[in-house]
């Protein structure tokens, strides 16, 4: 249970970081 929760939270954190990186690149591109 705890391992699954940790995996889900880490995956969500990765997605959030990836999305923010994409937004930064998009803003810098313009």
C-alpha atoms as a PDB file:
ATOM      1  CA  UNK A   1       0.000   0.000   0.000  1.00  0.00           C
ATOM      2  CA  UNK A   2       2.701   2.470   1.000  1.00  0.00           C
ATOM      3  CA  UNK A   3       4.929   1.485  -1.925  1.00  0.00           C
ATOM      4  CA  UNK A   4       2.084   1.971  -4.379  1.00  0.00           C
ATOM      5  CA  UNK A   5       1.280   5.394  -2.904  1.00  0.00           C
ATOM      6  CA  UNK A   6       4.934   6.416  -3.124  1.00  0.00           C
ATOM      7  CA  UNK A   7       5.101   5.276  -6.743  1.00  0.00           C
ATOM      8  CA  UNK A   8       1.957   7.213  -7.642  1.00  0.00           C
ATOM      9  CA  UNK A   9       3.135  10.393  -5.923  1.00  0.00           C
ATOM     10  CA  UNK A  10       6.557  10.209  -7.574  1.00  0.00           C
ATOM     11  CA  UNK A  11       4.939   9.651 -10.965  1.00  0.00           C
ATOM     12  CA  UNK A  12       2.669  12.663 -10.424  1.00  0.00           C
ATOM     13  CA  UNK A  13       5.675  14.762  -9.406  1.00  0.00           C
ATOM     14  CA  UNK A  14       7.515  13.724 -12.563  1.00  0.00           C
ATOM     15  CA  UNK A  15       4.541  14.662 -14.727  1.00  0.00           C
ATOM     16  CA  UNK A  16       4.238  18.039 -13.016  1.00  0.00           C
ATOM     17  CA  UNK A  17       7.950  18.785 -13.473  1.00  0.00           C
ATOM     18  CA  UNK A  18       7.784  17.708 -17.121  1.00  0.00           C
ATOM     19  CA  UNK A  19       4.761  19.928 -17.751  1.00  0.00           C
ATOM     20  CA  UNK A  20       6.374  22.959 -16.112  1.00  0.00           C
ATOM     21  CA  UNK A  21       9.518  22.359 -18.181  1.00  0.00           C
ATOM     22  CA  UNK A  22       7.414  22.288 -21.353  1.00  0.00           C
ATOM     23  CA  UNK A  23       5.726  25.553 -20.355  1.00  0.00           C
ATOM     24  CA  UNK A  24       9.112  27.186 -19.692  1.00  0.00           C
ATOM     25  CA  UNK A  25      10.447  26.058 -23.073  1.00  0.00           C
ATOM     26  CA  UNK A  26       7.281  27.288 -24.788  1.00  0.00           C
ATOM     27  CA  UNK A  27       7.530  30.700 -23.123  1.00  0.00           C
ATOM     28  CA  UNK A  28      11.233  31.008 -23.969  1.00  0.00           C
ATOM     29  CA  UNK A  29      10.522  30.004 -27.571  1.00  0.00           C
ATOM     30  CA  UNK A  30       8.209  32.972 -27.975  1.00  0.00           C
END
